[in-house]
Amino acid sequence: MSANLPARMTAIGFAQAGGPEVLQPVELAVRQPGPGEVLIRVSHAGVNRPDVVQRQGKYPPPPGASPIPGLEVSGTVVRLGEDVDGWFPGQKVCALVSGGGYAQYCLARADHCLPVPPGLPMDQAAALPETLFTVWHNVFERGWASDGETVLVHGGTSGIGTMAIQLGRLFGLTVIVTCGSPEKCARALELGAAHAIDYRATDFVEEVARLTDGQGVNLVLDMVAGDYVARNLKCLAMDGRHVTIAVQGGARAEINMAVVMTRRYTLTGSTLRPRSDTFKALLAQEIADQVWPLVADGALRPVMDTAFPLDRAADAHRRMEAGDHVGKIVLEVARG
């Protein structure tokens, strides 16, 4: 490797599944980018719930992906693979990756990268790809949300929830969220949610009916699943759409299919990580066209919680699992 690129790097991995304490520094070779790839010197890496589930042994990386956690990074391009156009060494980017983000260097598909515009701090850049790709695809592509509609989002102060609030505000949606405390509800309202329901104190089904004058919402973005699904369907207006993106409350749900038929509901869901490189590239291009101008002019920014040094990745996971965070948790790998 060239003089300015080391042969080895520090990453955070785990030898066996377990609690946050299994995350430990490891030394790995810095890999060369293959065709269509870039090598990024990582500035920051986003911490997401799939990282936690992977660490617990319940979400293995897809074939060919790095076993090192981390699904989004920001940093500087330091090397180009063959057939890469539009990027150059020294350029600041953020990227959606299939793994390997918790490291000093990370490979990314060139067509899964987005340029970091002037004025966007690198910690915020690292906090964008995973939640932005997920919310854009599931709310606007799978969920067909359109200007003037009302959306119910569970986990309103999570990374996904805060991104849904931001995008909803910018694209003409009325966003109702559920949160686990009065303090989190207040924070969600500050961020632009139209209404915030404390699900520990109030039945969200009854509250949605009250807030919508009995009409219901057009779309539910659900990361709970389990027994929430039947309750979510009670919140939907005629022709409503239900989009599942996680199953934190359990993978099985019992629902009345006669209600689905008579009210013409659409039930769908997705996971992002296993999707093809081509799909992710097309999604990145749509986001570059439709959303990235809002990032460039400062209208869209991720809500940030805490930045931890790379060697404190275990503490970052502990914070996420505690559920006290509001917005995104990131790891600081290198300054700049």
C-alpha atoms as a PDB file:
ATOM      1  CA  MET A   1       0.000   0.000   0.000  1.00  0.00           C
ATOM      2  CA  SER A   2       1.106   3.580  -0.496  1.00  0.00           C
ATOM      3  CA  ALA A   3       3.041   5.419   2.190  1.00  0.00           C
ATOM      4  CA  ASN A   4       0.067   7.465   3.304  1.00  0.00           C
ATOM      5  CA  LEU A   5      -2.177   4.424   3.748  1.00  0.00           C
ATOM      6  CA  PRO A   6      -1.385   1.923   6.495  1.00  0.00           C
ATOM      7  CA  ALA A   7      -1.465  -1.801   5.875  1.00  0.00           C
ATOM      8  CA  ARG A   8      -3.412  -2.410   9.102  1.00  0.00           C
ATOM      9  CA  MET A   9      -6.249  -0.658  10.892  1.00  0.00           C
ATOM     10  CA  THR A  10      -8.246  -0.773  14.108  1.00  0.00           C
ATOM     11  CA  ALA A  11     -11.851  -1.915  13.961  1.00  0.00           C
ATOM     12  CA  ILE A  12     -14.453  -2.945  16.532  1.00  0.00           C
ATOM     13  CA  GLY A  13     -15.671  -6.497  16.257  1.00  0.00           C
ATOM     14  CA  PHE A  14     -16.783  -9.410  18.404  1.00  0.00           C
ATOM     15  CA  ALA A  15     -15.688 -13.019  18.613  1.00  0.00           C
ATOM     16  CA  GLN A  16     -19.027 -14.314  19.870  1.00  0.00           C
ATOM     17  CA  ALA A  17     -22.531 -12.949  20.291  1.00  0.00           C
ATOM     18  CA  GLY A  18     -23.457 -11.346  23.586  1.00  0.00           C
ATOM     19  CA  GLY A  19     -23.909  -8.096  25.452  1.00  0.00           C
ATOM     20  CA  PRO A  20     -22.194  -4.798  24.637  1.00  0.00           C
ATOM     21  CA  GLU A  21     -19.048  -5.966  26.433  1.00  0.00           C
ATOM     22  CA  VAL A  22     -18.233  -8.404  23.583  1.00  0.00           C
ATOM     23  CA  LEU A  23     -17.358  -5.441  21.342  1.00  0.00           C
ATOM     24  CA  GLN A  24     -13.570  -5.229  21.336  1.00  0.00           C
ATOM     25  CA  PRO A  25     -10.855  -3.585  19.214  1.00  0.00           C
ATOM     26  CA  VAL A  26      -9.359  -5.840  16.565  1.00  0.00           C
ATOM     27  CA  GLU A  27      -6.578  -5.258  14.060  1.00  0.00           C
ATOM     28  CA  LEU A  28      -7.413  -5.980  10.430  1.00  0.00           C
ATOM     29  CA  ALA A  29      -5.829  -5.483   7.051  1.00  0.00           C
ATOM     30  CA  VAL A  30      -6.876  -2.406   5.118  1.00  0.00           C
ATOM     31  CA  ARG A  31      -8.492  -3.859   2.014  1.00  0.00           C
ATOM     32  CA  GLN A  32      -8.100  -2.515  -1.509  1.00  0.00           C
ATOM     33  CA  PRO A  33     -11.286  -1.349  -3.253  1.00  0.00           C
ATOM     34  CA  GLY A  34     -12.590  -3.640  -5.966  1.00  0.00           C
ATOM     35  CA  PRO A  35     -14.355  -2.623  -9.181  1.00  0.00           C
ATOM     36  CA  GLY A  36     -17.027  -0.021  -8.470  1.00  0.00           C
ATOM     37  CA  GLU A  37     -15.818   0.535  -4.893  1.00  0.00           C
ATOM     38  CA  VAL A  38     -14.113   3.327  -2.993  1.00  0.00           C
ATOM     39  CA  LEU A  39     -12.015   3.122   0.160  1.00  0.00           C
ATOM     40  CA  ILE A  40     -13.069   5.658   2.783  1.00  0.00           C
ATOM     41  CA  ARG A  41     -10.971   6.881   5.692  1.00  0.00           C
ATOM     42  CA  VAL A  42     -13.742   6.947   8.251  1.00  0.00           C
ATOM     43  CA  SER A  43     -14.494  10.093  10.219  1.00  0.00           C
ATOM     44  CA  HIS A  44     -17.675   8.878  11.933  1.00  0.00           C
ATOM     45  CA  ALA A  45     -19.834   5.780  11.882  1.00  0.00           C
ATOM     46  CA  GLY A  46     -23.530   5.657  12.670  1.00  0.00           C
ATOM     47  CA  VAL A  47     -24.811   3.283  15.353  1.00  0.00           C
ATOM     48  CA  ASN A  48     -28.112   1.632  14.491  1.00  0.00           C
ATOM     49  CA  ARG A  49     -30.346  -0.980  16.050  1.00  0.00           C
ATOM     50  CA  PRO A  50     -29.416  -3.593  13.416  1.00  0.00           C
ATOM     51  CA  ASP A  51     -25.858  -3.332  14.795  1.00  0.00           C
ATOM     52  CA  VAL A  52     -27.191  -4.260  18.232  1.00  0.00           C
ATOM     53  CA  VAL A  53     -29.210  -7.165  16.854  1.00  0.00           C
ATOM     54  CA  GLN A  54     -26.168  -8.379  14.906  1.00  0.00           C
ATOM     55  CA  ARG A  55     -24.057  -8.241  18.071  1.00  0.00           C
ATOM     56  CA  GLN A  56     -26.713 -10.323  19.822  1.00  0.00           C
ATOM     57  CA  GLY A  57     -26.334 -12.997  17.142  1.00  0.00           C
ATOM     58  CA  LYS A  58     -29.784 -12.475  15.625  1.00  0.00           C
ATOM     59  CA  TYR A  59     -28.949 -10.589  12.414  1.00  0.00           C
ATOM     60  CA  PRO A  60     -25.970 -12.065  10.551  1.00  0.00           C
ATOM     61  CA  PRO A  61     -24.408 -10.019   7.766  1.00  0.00           C
ATOM     62  CA  PRO A  62     -25.479 -10.938   4.237  1.00  0.00           C
ATOM     63  CA  PRO A  63     -23.103 -13.060   2.127  1.00  0.00           C
ATOM     64  CA  GLY A  64     -19.970 -11.155   1.188  1.00  0.00           C
ATOM     65  CA  ALA A  65     -20.511  -8.348   3.702  1.00  0.00           C
ATOM     66  CA  SER A  66     -17.975  -7.449   6.377  1.00  0.00           C
ATOM     67  CA  PRO A  67     -18.658  -9.097   9.755  1.00  0.00           C
ATOM     68  CA  ILE A  68     -17.629  -5.828  11.427  1.00  0.00           C
ATOM     69  CA  PRO A  69     -20.733  -3.841  12.506  1.00  0.00           C
ATOM     70  CA  GLY A  70     -21.610  -0.464  11.039  1.00  0.00           C
ATOM     71  CA  LEU A  71     -24.048   0.317   8.222  1.00  0.00           C
ATOM     72  CA  GLU A  72     -23.236   3.978   7.540  1.00  0.00           C
ATOM     73  CA  VAL A  73     -20.125   6.128   7.584  1.00  0.00           C
ATOM     74  CA  SER A  74     -18.806   9.548   6.745  1.00  0.00           C
ATOM     75  CA  GLY A  75     -15.236  10.211   5.760  1.00  0.00           C
ATOM     76  CA  THR A  76     -12.777  10.976   2.999  1.00  0.00           C
ATOM     77  CA  VAL A  77     -12.251   8.973  -0.164  1.00  0.00           C
ATOM     78  CA  VAL A  78      -8.629   7.776  -0.209  1.00  0.00           C
ATOM     79  CA  ARG A  79      -8.603   5.235  -3.022  1.00  0.00           C
ATOM     80  CA  LEU A  80     -10.738   4.367  -6.043  1.00  0.00           C
ATOM     81  CA  GLY A  81     -11.420   0.942  -7.492  1.00  0.00           C
ATOM     82  CA  GLU A  82     -11.694   0.271 -11.195  1.00  0.00           C
ATOM     83  CA  ASP A  83     -14.609   1.743 -13.125  1.00  0.00           C
ATOM     84  CA  VAL A  84     -15.343   4.451 -10.549  1.00  0.00           C
ATOM     85  CA  ASP A  85     -16.411   7.788 -11.985  1.00  0.00           C
ATOM     86  CA  GLY A  86     -17.584  10.933 -10.241  1.00  0.00           C
ATOM     87  CA  TRP A  87     -15.472  10.606  -7.085  1.00  0.00           C
ATOM     88  CA  PHE A  88     -11.890  11.597  -6.364  1.00  0.00           C
ATOM     89  CA  PRO A  89      -9.357  11.115  -3.568  1.00  0.00           C
ATOM     90  CA  GLY A  90      -9.802  13.719  -0.874  1.00  0.00           C
ATOM     91  CA  GLN A  91     -13.538  14.087  -1.444  1.00  0.00           C
ATOM     92  CA  LYS A  92     -15.749  14.018   1.642  1.00  0.00           C
ATOM     93  CA  VAL A  93     -18.622  11.533   1.382  1.00  0.00           C
ATOM     94  CA  CYS A  94     -21.142   9.629   3.422  1.00  0.00           C
ATOM     95  CA  ALA A  95     -22.163   6.134   2.455  1.00  0.00           C
ATOM     96  CA  LEU A  96     -24.581   3.329   3.103  1.00  0.00           C
ATOM     97  CA  VAL A  97     -22.572   0.136   3.610  1.00  0.00           C
ATOM     98  CA  SER A  98     -23.481  -3.503   4.289  1.00  0.00           C
ATOM     99  CA  GLY A  99     -21.023  -3.696   7.194  1.00  0.00           C
ATOM    100  CA  GLY A 100     -17.580  -2.595   8.261  1.00  0.00           C
ATOM    101  CA  GLY A 101     -18.386   0.908   9.475  1.00  0.00           C
ATOM    102  CA  TYR A 102     -16.871   0.519  12.958  1.00  0.00           C
ATOM    103  CA  ALA A 103     -13.337   0.863  11.594  1.00  0.00           C
ATOM    104  CA  GLN A 104     -10.684   3.363  10.554  1.00  0.00           C
ATOM    105  CA  TYR A 105     -11.177   2.466   6.884  1.00  0.00           C
ATOM    106  CA  CYS A 106     -14.281   1.140   5.166  1.00  0.00           C
ATOM    107  CA  LEU A 107     -15.079  -0.059   1.659  1.00  0.00           C
ATOM    108  CA  ALA A 108     -18.232   1.300   0.037  1.00  0.00           C
ATOM    109  CA  ARG A 109     -19.902   0.981  -3.310  1.00  0.00           C
ATOM    110  CA  ALA A 110     -19.241   4.201  -5.177  1.00  0.00           C
ATOM    111  CA  ASP A 111     -22.902   4.400  -6.203  1.00  0.00           C
ATOM    112  CA  HIS A 112     -23.998   4.084  -2.565  1.00  0.00           C
ATOM    113  CA  CYS A 113     -22.122   7.279  -1.616  1.00  0.00           C
ATOM    114  CA  LEU A 114     -23.382  10.838  -1.380  1.00  0.00           C
ATOM    115  CA  PRO A 115     -21.240  13.985  -1.277  1.00  0.00           C
ATOM    116  CA  VAL A 116     -20.974  15.823   2.022  1.00  0.00           C
ATOM    117  CA  PRO A 117     -22.025  19.396   1.222  1.00  0.00           C
ATOM    118  CA  PRO A 118     -20.280  22.404   2.755  1.00  0.00           C
ATOM    119  CA  GLY A 119     -21.714  23.199   6.167  1.00  0.00           C
ATOM    120  CA  LEU A 120     -22.720  19.631   7.027  1.00  0.00           C
ATOM    121  CA  PRO A 121     -20.607  18.391   9.968  1.00  0.00           C
ATOM    122  CA  MET A 122     -19.118  14.947   9.499  1.00  0.00           C
ATOM    123  CA  ASP A 123     -20.850  13.490  12.544  1.00  0.00           C
ATOM    124  CA  GLN A 124     -24.200  14.515  11.065  1.00  0.00           C
ATOM    125  CA  ALA A 125     -23.205  13.185   7.654  1.00  0.00           C
ATOM    126  CA  ALA A 126     -22.594   9.757   9.190  1.00  0.00           C
ATOM    127  CA  ALA A 127     -26.034   9.871  10.826  1.00  0.00           C
ATOM    128  CA  LEU A 128     -27.931  10.291   7.561  1.00  0.00           C
ATOM    129  CA  PRO A 129     -27.646   7.299   5.202  1.00  0.00           C
ATOM    130  CA  GLU A 130     -29.228   4.396   7.099  1.00  0.00           C
ATOM    131  CA  THR A 131     -32.256   6.270   8.437  1.00  0.00           C
ATOM    132  CA  LEU A 132     -32.705   8.443   5.353  1.00  0.00           C
ATOM    133  CA  PHE A 133     -32.612   5.498   2.939  1.00  0.00           C
ATOM    134  CA  THR A 134     -34.941   3.501   5.212  1.00  0.00           C
ATOM    135  CA  VAL A 135     -37.526   6.220   5.788  1.00  0.00           C
ATOM    136  CA  TRP A 136     -37.529   7.470   2.208  1.00  0.00           C
ATOM    137  CA  HIS A 137     -38.064   4.006   0.775  1.00  0.00           C
ATOM    138  CA  ASN A 138     -40.646   2.830   3.285  1.00  0.00           C
ATOM    139  CA  VAL A 139     -42.688   6.008   3.719  1.00  0.00           C
ATOM    140  CA  PHE A 140     -42.614   7.435   0.208  1.00  0.00           C
ATOM    141  CA  GLU A 141     -41.930   4.459  -2.073  1.00  0.00           C
ATOM    142  CA  ARG A 142     -43.519   1.478  -0.331  1.00  0.00           C
ATOM    143  CA  GLY A 143     -45.993   3.568   1.671  1.00  0.00           C
ATOM    144  CA  TRP A 144     -46.910   5.985  -1.157  1.00  0.00           C
ATOM    145  CA  ALA A 145     -47.146   8.910   1.252  1.00  0.00           C
ATOM    146  CA  SER A 146     -48.164  12.123  -0.462  1.00  0.00           C
ATOM    147  CA  ASP A 147     -48.623  15.769   0.397  1.00  0.00           C
ATOM    148  CA  GLY A 148     -51.474  16.348   2.838  1.00  0.00           C
ATOM    149  CA  GLU A 149     -51.603  12.827   4.289  1.00  0.00           C
ATOM    150  CA  THR A 150     -51.276  11.839   7.938  1.00  0.00           C
ATOM    151  CA  VAL A 151     -48.710   9.307   9.148  1.00  0.00           C
ATOM    152  CA  LEU A 152     -48.409   7.468  12.469  1.00  0.00           C
ATOM    153  CA  VAL A 153     -44.804   6.701  13.438  1.00  0.00           C
ATOM    154  CA  HIS A 154     -43.866   4.558  16.403  1.00  0.00           C
ATOM    155  CA  GLY A 155     -40.616   5.280  18.215  1.00  0.00           C
ATOM    156  CA  GLY A 156     -40.888   8.985  17.552  1.00  0.00           C
ATOM    157  CA  THR A 157     -37.555   9.959  19.113  1.00  0.00           C
ATOM    158  CA  SER A 158     -35.498   7.124  17.626  1.00  0.00           C
ATOM    159  CA  GLY A 159     -33.203   7.725  14.679  1.00  0.00           C
ATOM    160  CA  ILE A 160     -35.922   6.468  12.339  1.00  0.00           C
ATOM    161  CA  GLY A 161     -38.647   8.418  14.123  1.00  0.00           C
ATOM    162  CA  THR A 162     -36.805  11.725  14.133  1.00  0.00           C
ATOM    163  CA  MET A 163     -35.941  11.306  10.439  1.00  0.00           C
ATOM    164  CA  ALA A 164     -39.590  10.555   9.661  1.00  0.00           C
ATOM    165  CA  ILE A 165     -40.596  13.745  11.466  1.00  0.00           C
ATOM    166  CA  GLN A 166     -38.040  15.789   9.507  1.00  0.00           C
ATOM    167  CA  LEU A 167     -38.951  14.344   6.105  1.00  0.00           C
ATOM    168  CA  GLY A 168     -42.654  14.532   6.847  1.00  0.00           C
ATOM    169  CA  ARG A 169     -42.372  18.214   7.710  1.00  0.00           C
ATOM    170  CA  LEU A 170     -40.478  18.921   4.488  1.00  0.00           C
ATOM    171  CA  PHE A 171     -42.808  16.922   2.229  1.00  0.00           C
ATOM    172  CA  GLY A 172     -46.182  18.089   3.513  1.00  0.00           C
ATOM    173  CA  LEU A 173     -47.145  15.238   5.838  1.00  0.00           C
ATOM    174  CA  THR A 174     -48.859  15.486   9.202  1.00  0.00           C
ATOM    175  CA  VAL A 175     -46.808  13.233  11.481  1.00  0.00           C
ATOM    176  CA  ILE A 176     -48.242  11.718  14.670  1.00  0.00           C
ATOM    177  CA  VAL A 177     -45.703   9.863  16.809  1.00  0.00           C
ATOM    178  CA  THR A 178     -45.730   7.633  19.848  1.00  0.00           C
ATOM    179  CA  CYS A 179     -43.069   8.019  22.535  1.00  0.00           C
ATOM    180  CA  GLY A 180     -42.366   6.455  25.918  1.00  0.00           C
ATOM    181  CA  SER A 181     -42.375   9.503  28.189  1.00  0.00           C
ATOM    182  CA  PRO A 182     -43.723  13.061  28.461  1.00  0.00           C
ATOM    183  CA  GLU A 183     -40.192  14.369  27.953  1.00  0.00           C
ATOM    184  CA  LYS A 184     -39.767  12.482  24.708  1.00  0.00           C
ATOM    185  CA  CYS A 185     -43.189  13.615  23.533  1.00  0.00           C
ATOM    186  CA  ALA A 186     -42.188  17.231  24.191  1.00  0.00           C
ATOM    187  CA  ARG A 187     -38.984  16.725  22.223  1.00  0.00           C
ATOM    188  CA  ALA A 188     -40.846  15.183  19.291  1.00  0.00           C
ATOM    189  CA  LEU A 189     -43.169  18.188  19.180  1.00  0.00           C
ATOM    190  CA  GLU A 190     -40.153  20.516  19.169  1.00  0.00           C
ATOM    191  CA  LEU A 191     -38.790  18.620  16.174  1.00  0.00           C
ATOM    192  CA  GLY A 192     -41.952  19.141  14.171  1.00  0.00           C
ATOM    193  CA  ALA A 193     -44.340  16.298  14.979  1.00  0.00           C
ATOM    194  CA  ALA A 194     -47.949  17.481  14.809  1.00  0.00           C
ATOM    195  CA  HIS A 195     -48.908  15.328  17.789  1.00  0.00           C
ATOM    196  CA  ALA A 196     -47.002  13.097  20.200  1.00  0.00           C
ATOM    197  CA  ILE A 197     -48.711  10.323  22.173  1.00  0.00           C
ATOM    198  CA  ASP A 198     -47.242   8.928  25.402  1.00  0.00           C
ATOM    199  CA  TYR A 199     -48.056   5.255  24.806  1.00  0.00           C
ATOM    200  CA  ARG A 200     -47.363   4.405  28.465  1.00  0.00           C
ATOM    201  CA  ALA A 201     -50.095   6.786  29.644  1.00  0.00           C
ATOM    202  CA  THR A 202     -52.594   6.768  26.762  1.00  0.00           C
ATOM    203  CA  ASP A 203     -54.107   4.200  24.404  1.00  0.00           C
ATOM    204  CA  PHE A 204     -52.641   5.320  21.107  1.00  0.00           C
ATOM    205  CA  VAL A 205     -55.555   3.805  19.144  1.00  0.00           C
ATOM    206  CA  GLU A 206     -58.085   5.950  20.995  1.00  0.00           C
ATOM    207  CA  GLU A 207     -55.837   9.005  20.774  1.00  0.00           C
ATOM    208  CA  VAL A 208     -55.338   8.652  17.018  1.00  0.00           C
ATOM    209  CA  ALA A 209     -59.105   8.425  16.581  1.00  0.00           C
ATOM    210  CA  ARG A 210     -59.537  11.585  18.630  1.00  0.00           C
ATOM    211  CA  LEU A 211     -56.802  13.497  16.800  1.00  0.00           C
ATOM    212  CA  THR A 212     -58.131  12.568  13.378  1.00  0.00           C
ATOM    213  CA  ASP A 213     -61.842  13.041  14.203  1.00  0.00           C
ATOM    214  CA  GLY A 214     -62.344   9.335  13.712  1.00  0.00           C
ATOM    215  CA  GLN A 215     -60.931   9.305  10.202  1.00  0.00           C
ATOM    216  CA  GLY A 216     -57.645   7.558  11.003  1.00  0.00           C
ATOM    217  CA  VAL A 217     -54.212   7.943   9.448  1.00  0.00           C
ATOM    218  CA  ASN A 218     -53.206   7.153   5.881  1.00  0.00           C
ATOM    219  CA  LEU A 219     -50.007   5.339   6.799  1.00  0.00           C
ATOM    220  CA  VAL A 220     -48.435   3.594   9.793  1.00  0.00           C
ATOM    221  CA  LEU A 221     -44.645   3.216   9.930  1.00  0.00           C
ATOM    222  CA  ASP A 222     -44.218   0.346  12.366  1.00  0.00           C
ATOM    223  CA  MET A 223     -41.020  -0.904  13.988  1.00  0.00           C
ATOM    224  CA  VAL A 224     -42.764  -2.857  16.757  1.00  0.00           C
ATOM    225  CA  ALA A 225     -44.910  -5.496  14.999  1.00  0.00           C
ATOM    226  CA  GLY A 226     -46.265  -8.211  17.333  1.00  0.00           C
ATOM    227  CA  ASP A 227     -49.552  -7.242  18.957  1.00  0.00           C
ATOM    228  CA  TYR A 228     -49.133  -3.670  17.711  1.00  0.00           C
ATOM    229  CA  VAL A 229     -50.158  -4.701  14.194  1.00  0.00           C
ATOM    230  CA  ALA A 230     -53.819  -5.318  15.010  1.00  0.00           C
ATOM    231  CA  ARG A 231     -53.898  -2.049  16.970  1.00  0.00           C
ATOM    232  CA  ASN A 232     -52.211  -0.206  14.111  1.00  0.00           C
ATOM    233  CA  LEU A 233     -54.873  -1.395  11.688  1.00  0.00           C
ATOM    234  CA  LYS A 234     -57.514   0.183  13.929  1.00  0.00           C
ATOM    235  CA  CYS A 235     -55.696   3.493  13.385  1.00  0.00           C
ATOM    236  CA  LEU A 236     -55.822   3.337   9.590  1.00  0.00           C
ATOM    237  CA  ALA A 237     -58.212   5.250   7.376  1.00  0.00           C
ATOM    238  CA  MET A 238     -59.875   3.562   4.414  1.00  0.00           C
ATOM    239  CA  ASP A 239     -57.217   2.509   1.854  1.00  0.00           C
ATOM    240  CA  GLY A 240     -54.559   2.877   4.551  1.00  0.00           C
ATOM    241  CA  ARG A 241     -51.068   1.434   4.275  1.00  0.00           C
ATOM    242  CA  HIS A 242     -49.144  -0.401   6.994  1.00  0.00           C
ATOM    243  CA  VAL A 243     -45.358  -0.624   6.572  1.00  0.00           C
ATOM    244  CA  THR A 244     -43.267  -2.769   8.935  1.00  0.00           C
ATOM    245  CA  ILE A 245     -39.526  -2.117   9.197  1.00  0.00           C
ATOM    246  CA  ALA A 246     -38.636  -3.976  12.419  1.00  0.00           C
ATOM    247  CA  VAL A 247     -40.123  -6.548  14.785  1.00  0.00           C
ATOM    248  CA  GLN A 248     -39.008  -5.331  18.196  1.00  0.00           C
ATOM    249  CA  GLY A 249     -42.309  -6.454  19.738  1.00  0.00           C
ATOM    250  CA  GLY A 250     -42.329  -9.894  18.111  1.00  0.00           C
ATOM    251  CA  ALA A 251     -42.416 -11.336  14.621  1.00  0.00           C
ATOM    252  CA  ARG A 252     -45.930 -12.807  14.775  1.00  0.00           C
ATOM    253  CA  ALA A 253     -49.191 -10.888  14.549  1.00  0.00           C
ATOM    254  CA  GLU A 254     -52.839 -11.954  14.517  1.00  0.00           C
ATOM    255  CA  ILE A 255     -55.112  -9.767  12.411  1.00  0.00           C
ATOM    256  CA  ASN A 256     -58.635  -9.827  11.009  1.00  0.00           C
ATOM    257  CA  MET A 257     -58.238 -10.258   7.248  1.00  0.00           C
ATOM    258  CA  ALA A 258     -61.901  -9.405   6.680  1.00  0.00           C
ATOM    259  CA  VAL A 259     -61.095  -5.906   7.966  1.00  0.00           C
ATOM    260  CA  VAL A 260     -58.099  -5.730   5.613  1.00  0.00           C
ATOM    261  CA  MET A 261     -60.377  -6.571   2.684  1.00  0.00           C
ATOM    262  CA  THR A 262     -63.328  -4.357   3.521  1.00  0.00           C
ATOM    263  CA  ARG A 263     -61.162  -1.336   4.304  1.00  0.00           C
ATOM    264  CA  ARG A 264     -58.794  -2.036   1.391  1.00  0.00           C
ATOM    265  CA  TYR A 265     -55.640  -1.955   3.488  1.00  0.00           C
ATOM    266  CA  THR A 266     -52.170  -2.583   2.112  1.00  0.00           C
ATOM    267  CA  LEU A 267     -49.694  -4.404   4.384  1.00  0.00           C
ATOM    268  CA  THR A 268     -46.041  -4.362   3.391  1.00  0.00           C
ATOM    269  CA  GLY A 269     -42.568  -4.099   4.867  1.00  0.00           C
ATOM    270  CA  SER A 270     -38.902  -4.318   4.035  1.00  0.00           C
ATOM    271  CA  THR A 271     -35.349  -4.654   5.260  1.00  0.00           C
ATOM    272  CA  LEU A 272     -32.602  -2.611   3.652  1.00  0.00           C
ATOM    273  CA  ARG A 273     -29.330  -4.402   4.331  1.00  0.00           C
ATOM    274  CA  PRO A 274     -29.929  -7.551   2.212  1.00  0.00           C
ATOM    275  CA  ARG A 275     -31.187  -5.626  -0.834  1.00  0.00           C
ATOM    276  CA  SER A 276     -29.118  -5.767  -4.012  1.00  0.00           C
ATOM    277  CA  ASP A 277     -26.377  -3.297  -4.835  1.00  0.00           C
ATOM    278  CA  THR A 278     -28.439  -2.184  -7.833  1.00  0.00           C
ATOM    279  CA  PHE A 279     -31.490  -1.457  -5.684  1.00  0.00           C
ATOM    280  CA  LYS A 280     -29.429   0.575  -3.226  1.00  0.00           C
ATOM    281  CA  ALA A 281     -27.765   2.480  -6.059  1.00  0.00           C
ATOM    282  CA  LEU A 282     -31.139   3.425  -7.536  1.00  0.00           C
ATOM    283  CA  LEU A 283     -32.363   4.469  -4.097  1.00  0.00           C
ATOM    284  CA  ALA A 284     -29.225   6.553  -3.567  1.00  0.00           C
ATOM    285  CA  GLN A 285     -29.809   8.279  -6.885  1.00  0.00           C
ATOM    286  CA  GLU A 286     -33.422   9.094  -6.034  1.00  0.00           C
ATOM    287  CA  ILE A 287     -32.350  10.497  -2.672  1.00  0.00           C
ATOM    288  CA  ALA A 288     -29.627  12.520  -4.399  1.00  0.00           C
ATOM    289  CA  ASP A 289     -32.265  14.015  -6.702  1.00  0.00           C
ATOM    290  CA  GLN A 290     -35.186  14.456  -4.314  1.00  0.00           C
ATOM    291  CA  VAL A 291     -33.721  14.931  -0.832  1.00  0.00           C
ATOM    292  CA  TRP A 292     -30.047  15.861  -1.024  1.00  0.00           C
ATOM    293  CA  PRO A 293     -30.758  19.446  -2.150  1.00  0.00           C
ATOM    294  CA  LEU A 294     -32.554  19.887   1.196  1.00  0.00           C
ATOM    295  CA  VAL A 295     -29.434  18.640   2.975  1.00  0.00           C
ATOM    296  CA  ALA A 296     -27.233  20.935   0.916  1.00  0.00           C
ATOM    297  CA  ASP A 297     -29.240  24.055   1.826  1.00  0.00           C
ATOM    298  CA  GLY A 298     -29.511  23.099   5.505  1.00  0.00           C
ATOM    299  CA  ALA A 299     -33.237  22.358   5.553  1.00  0.00           C
ATOM    300  CA  LEU A 300     -32.698  18.718   6.519  1.00  0.00           C
ATOM    301  CA  ARG A 301     -30.420  17.751   9.375  1.00  0.00           C
ATOM    302  CA  PRO A 302     -30.389  14.580  11.477  1.00  0.00           C
ATOM    303  CA  VAL A 303     -31.250  14.880  15.143  1.00  0.00           C
ATOM    304  CA  MET A 304     -28.079  14.041  17.077  1.00  0.00           C
ATOM    305  CA  ASP A 305     -27.875  12.362  20.470  1.00  0.00           C
ATOM    306  CA  THR A 306     -24.337  11.354  21.497  1.00  0.00           C
ATOM    307  CA  ALA A 307     -20.955  10.823  19.852  1.00  0.00           C
ATOM    308  CA  PHE A 308     -18.703   8.174  21.417  1.00  0.00           C
ATOM    309  CA  PRO A 309     -15.061   7.469  20.545  1.00  0.00           C
ATOM    310  CA  LEU A 310     -14.610   4.307  18.468  1.00  0.00           C
ATOM    311  CA  ASP A 311     -13.113   2.422  21.408  1.00  0.00           C
ATOM    312  CA  ARG A 312     -16.285   3.098  23.401  1.00  0.00           C
ATOM    313  CA  ALA A 313     -18.592   1.345  20.955  1.00  0.00           C
ATOM    314  CA  ALA A 314     -19.844  -0.816  23.822  1.00  0.00           C
ATOM    315  CA  ASP A 315     -21.064   2.312  25.634  1.00  0.00           C
ATOM    316  CA  ALA A 316     -22.802   3.450  22.456  1.00  0.00           C
ATOM    317  CA  HIS A 317     -24.667   0.142  22.316  1.00  0.00           C
ATOM    318  CA  ARG A 318     -25.555   0.406  25.987  1.00  0.00           C
ATOM    319  CA  ARG A 319     -27.077   3.829  25.389  1.00  0.00           C
ATOM    320  CA  MET A 320     -29.098   2.565  22.457  1.00  0.00           C
ATOM    321  CA  GLU A 321     -30.381  -0.436  24.376  1.00  0.00           C
ATOM    322  CA  ALA A 322     -31.320   1.728  27.368  1.00  0.00           C
ATOM    323  CA  GLY A 323     -33.724   3.607  25.124  1.00  0.00           C
ATOM    324  CA  ASP A 324     -32.960   7.028  26.572  1.00  0.00           C
ATOM    325  CA  HIS A 325     -31.498   8.514  23.392  1.00  0.00           C
ATOM    326  CA  VAL A 326     -33.202  11.069  21.168  1.00  0.00           C
ATOM    327  CA  GLY A 327     -32.000  10.888  17.585  1.00  0.00           C
ATOM    328  CA  LYS A 328     -28.758   9.407  16.341  1.00  0.00           C
ATOM    329  CA  ILE A 329     -25.789   7.901  18.153  1.00  0.00           C
ATOM    330  CA  VAL A 330     -22.477   7.920  16.293  1.00  0.00           C
ATOM    331  CA  LEU A 331     -18.895   6.790  16.800  1.00  0.00           C
ATOM    332  CA  GLU A 332     -16.075   9.252  16.276  1.00  0.00           C
ATOM    333  CA  VAL A 333     -13.311   7.413  14.460  1.00  0.00           C
ATOM    334  CA  ALA A 334     -11.092  10.310  13.372  1.00  0.00           C
ATOM    335  CA  ARG A 335     -11.391  14.046  13.416  1.00  0.00           C
ATOM    336  CA  GLY A 336     -12.070  15.791  10.111  1.00  0.00           C
END
